[in-house]
Amino acid sequence: MNIRFKIVLFVLCLVALLVFQSKLVMPMVYKVIASDAFLEETDDVGSQTPVSTDMTRLAFNQCNDYIKTDLGSDISVVFPAAPINSWDIGNYEYMINADILVTTKEGTTLPKRYACNIKYKNKKDMTDASNADSWSIDGLSGLEDL
């Protein structure tokens, strides 16, 4: 085949792909986005700024307990009294950011900053909020190298 023919064919296929995406795929995507398919009704609307509430304090404590359990007995951890920042993301999901002091089994003490994404599973039922089984850790970063 001639190289010019291949280039023209490539350009035509590229144009066809762009037209297909803009005329067929994207309108369907916009309809799904505009629908209530991914909308979850909740009375916990969240906040765009850091907050300190009873639930964020409980989330902070649960993140600390998870870290203590996850690191095991070989590593000693000193937790602060309060996080640097805590956000109520909404739908009973929280983001906790805090500094800790980690002492390894070799005796080296390192300051570490972690971010913990945690969710309360029982929604409106706050009677079991101090139970670790009522929470799920959706993500923990900053402590990967320990």
Protein backbone atom coordinates (compact mmCIF):
# COMPACT_ATOMS: atom_id res chain seq x y z
CA MET A 1 0.00 0.00 0.00
CA ASN A 2 1.04 3.50 -0.69
CA ILE A 3 2.15 5.57 2.35
CA ARG A 4 -0.13 8.46 1.34
CA PHE A 5 -3.10 6.13 1.26
CA LYS A 6 -2.25 4.90 4.79
CA ILE A 7 -2.00 8.47 6.11
CA VAL A 8 -5.33 9.45 4.53
CA LEU A 9 -6.95 6.30 5.90
CA PHE A 10 -5.54 7.02 9.38
CA VAL A 11 -6.87 10.60 9.32
CA LEU A 12 -10.30 9.45 8.12
CA CYS A 13 -10.50 6.83 10.87
CA LEU A 14 -9.43 9.41 13.46
CA VAL A 15 -12.10 11.84 12.29
CA ALA A 16 -14.72 9.06 12.35
CA LEU A 17 -13.71 8.14 15.89
CA LEU A 18 -13.97 11.75 17.08
CA VAL A 19 -17.39 12.19 15.46
CA PHE A 20 -18.60 8.90 16.97
CA GLN A 21 -17.45 9.97 20.42
CA SER A 22 -18.82 13.51 20.27
CA LYS A 23 -22.19 12.64 18.67
CA LEU A 24 -23.02 9.28 20.28
CA VAL A 25 -20.92 8.50 23.34
CA MET A 26 -20.72 11.89 25.08
CA PRO A 27 -24.48 12.65 24.93
CA MET A 28 -25.13 9.33 26.67
CA VAL A 29 -22.48 10.12 29.29
CA TYR A 30 -24.06 13.53 29.92
CA LYS A 31 -27.49 11.90 30.38
CA VAL A 32 -26.12 9.48 32.96
CA ILE A 33 -24.32 12.28 34.80
CA ALA A 34 -27.49 14.40 34.88
CA SER A 35 -29.59 11.50 36.17
CA ASP A 36 -29.84 10.35 39.77
CA ALA A 37 -28.02 7.10 39.02
CA PHE A 38 -25.05 7.97 41.26
CA LEU A 39 -26.88 10.23 43.71
CA GLU A 40 -27.11 8.96 47.26
CA GLU A 41 -29.46 10.83 49.55
CA THR A 42 -27.96 11.49 52.97
CA ASP A 43 -28.46 13.84 55.87
CA ASP A 44 -24.69 14.17 56.33
CA VAL A 45 -23.82 16.80 53.74
CA GLY A 46 -20.16 17.26 54.64
CA SER A 47 -18.00 20.36 54.55
CA GLN A 48 -15.42 21.81 52.20
CA THR A 49 -13.35 23.19 55.07
CA PRO A 50 -11.68 21.33 57.94
CA VAL A 51 -14.02 20.72 60.87
CA SER A 52 -13.79 19.26 64.34
CA THR A 53 -16.91 17.38 65.45
CA ASP A 54 -17.65 14.38 67.62
CA MET A 55 -17.63 12.16 64.53
CA THR A 56 -14.28 13.46 63.25
CA ARG A 57 -12.78 12.86 66.70
CA LEU A 58 -14.14 9.31 66.68
CA ALA A 59 -12.80 8.82 63.15
CA PHE A 60 -9.38 10.09 64.29
CA ASN A 61 -9.35 7.61 67.17
CA GLN A 62 -10.38 4.75 64.88
CA CYS A 63 -7.61 5.63 62.38
CA ASN A 64 -5.07 5.68 65.21
CA ASP A 65 -6.26 2.29 66.51
CA TYR A 66 -6.04 0.86 63.00
CA ILE A 67 -2.48 2.19 62.56
CA LYS A 68 -1.43 0.81 65.95
CA THR A 69 -2.80 -2.62 65.06
CA ASP A 70 -1.46 -2.57 61.51
CA LEU A 71 2.12 -1.66 62.49
CA GLY A 72 2.29 -4.39 65.11
CA SER A 73 4.25 -4.62 68.33
CA ASP A 74 7.72 -4.14 66.77
CA ILE A 75 7.05 -0.46 66.13
CA SER A 76 6.16 2.07 68.81
CA VAL A 77 3.87 4.96 67.84
CA VAL A 78 3.10 8.20 69.68
CA PHE A 79 -0.16 9.78 68.57
CA PRO A 80 -1.07 13.46 69.00
CA ALA A 81 -4.09 14.57 71.00
CA ALA A 82 -5.79 15.96 67.89
CA PRO A 83 -5.30 15.74 64.13
CA ILE A 84 -3.82 18.54 62.04
CA ASN A 85 -6.99 18.65 59.94
CA SER A 86 -10.13 16.57 59.69
CA TRP A 87 -12.77 16.86 57.00
CA ASP A 88 -16.34 15.63 56.92
CA ILE A 89 -16.56 14.59 53.27
CA GLY A 90 -20.25 13.77 53.53
CA ASN A 91 -22.28 10.56 53.70
CA TYR A 92 -20.49 9.70 56.98
CA GLU A 93 -17.08 9.63 55.35
CA TYR A 94 -14.12 11.44 56.90
CA MET A 95 -10.57 12.37 55.96
CA ILE A 96 -8.08 12.64 58.81
CA ASN A 97 -4.60 14.18 58.51
CA ALA A 98 -2.18 13.89 61.44
CA ASP A 99 1.47 13.68 62.44
CA ILE A 100 2.79 10.77 64.49
CA LEU A 101 6.16 9.78 65.93
CA VAL A 102 7.26 6.29 64.96
CA THR A 103 10.04 4.45 66.79
CA THR A 104 11.30 1.43 64.87
CA LYS A 105 12.68 -1.73 66.46
CA GLU A 106 16.18 -0.39 65.74
CA GLY A 107 15.43 2.62 67.97
CA THR A 108 15.13 5.23 65.23
CA THR A 109 12.40 7.82 65.86
CA LEU A 110 10.81 9.32 62.75
CA PRO A 111 8.03 11.85 62.39
CA LYS A 112 5.42 10.68 59.88
CA ARG A 113 2.35 12.37 58.47
CA TYR A 114 -0.57 10.24 57.44
CA ALA A 115 -3.91 10.70 55.72
CA CYS A 116 -6.72 8.32 56.58
CA ASN A 117 -9.97 7.99 54.65
CA ILE A 118 -12.53 6.36 56.93
CA LYS A 119 -16.26 5.71 56.68
CA TYR A 120 -18.86 5.10 59.36
CA LYS A 121 -21.02 2.18 58.22
CA ASN A 122 -24.08 2.56 60.47
CA LYS A 123 -25.17 5.95 59.08
CA LYS A 124 -27.71 7.53 61.45
CA ASP A 125 -27.30 4.98 64.28
CA MET A 126 -24.66 6.62 66.50
CA THR A 127 -25.03 4.17 69.38
CA ASP A 128 -22.21 1.98 68.07
CA ALA A 129 -19.83 4.71 66.88
CA SER A 130 -17.03 3.77 69.27
CA ASN A 131 -16.97 0.16 68.01
CA ALA A 132 -14.20 -0.50 65.48
CA ASP A 133 -16.46 -2.85 63.50
CA SER A 134 -18.72 0.11 62.70
CA TRP A 135 -15.95 1.79 60.71
CA SER A 136 -14.13 0.91 57.50
CA ILE A 137 -10.75 2.26 56.46
CA ASP A 138 -11.00 3.10 52.76
CA GLY A 139 -7.44 4.37 52.44
CA LEU A 140 -4.32 5.12 54.44
CA SER A 141 -1.29 6.89 53.02
CA GLY A 142 1.99 8.17 54.37
CA LEU A 143 3.04 5.04 56.22
CA GLU A 144 3.85 2.76 53.29
CA ASP A 145 7.57 2.56 54.04
CA LEU A 146 7.15 1.19 57.58
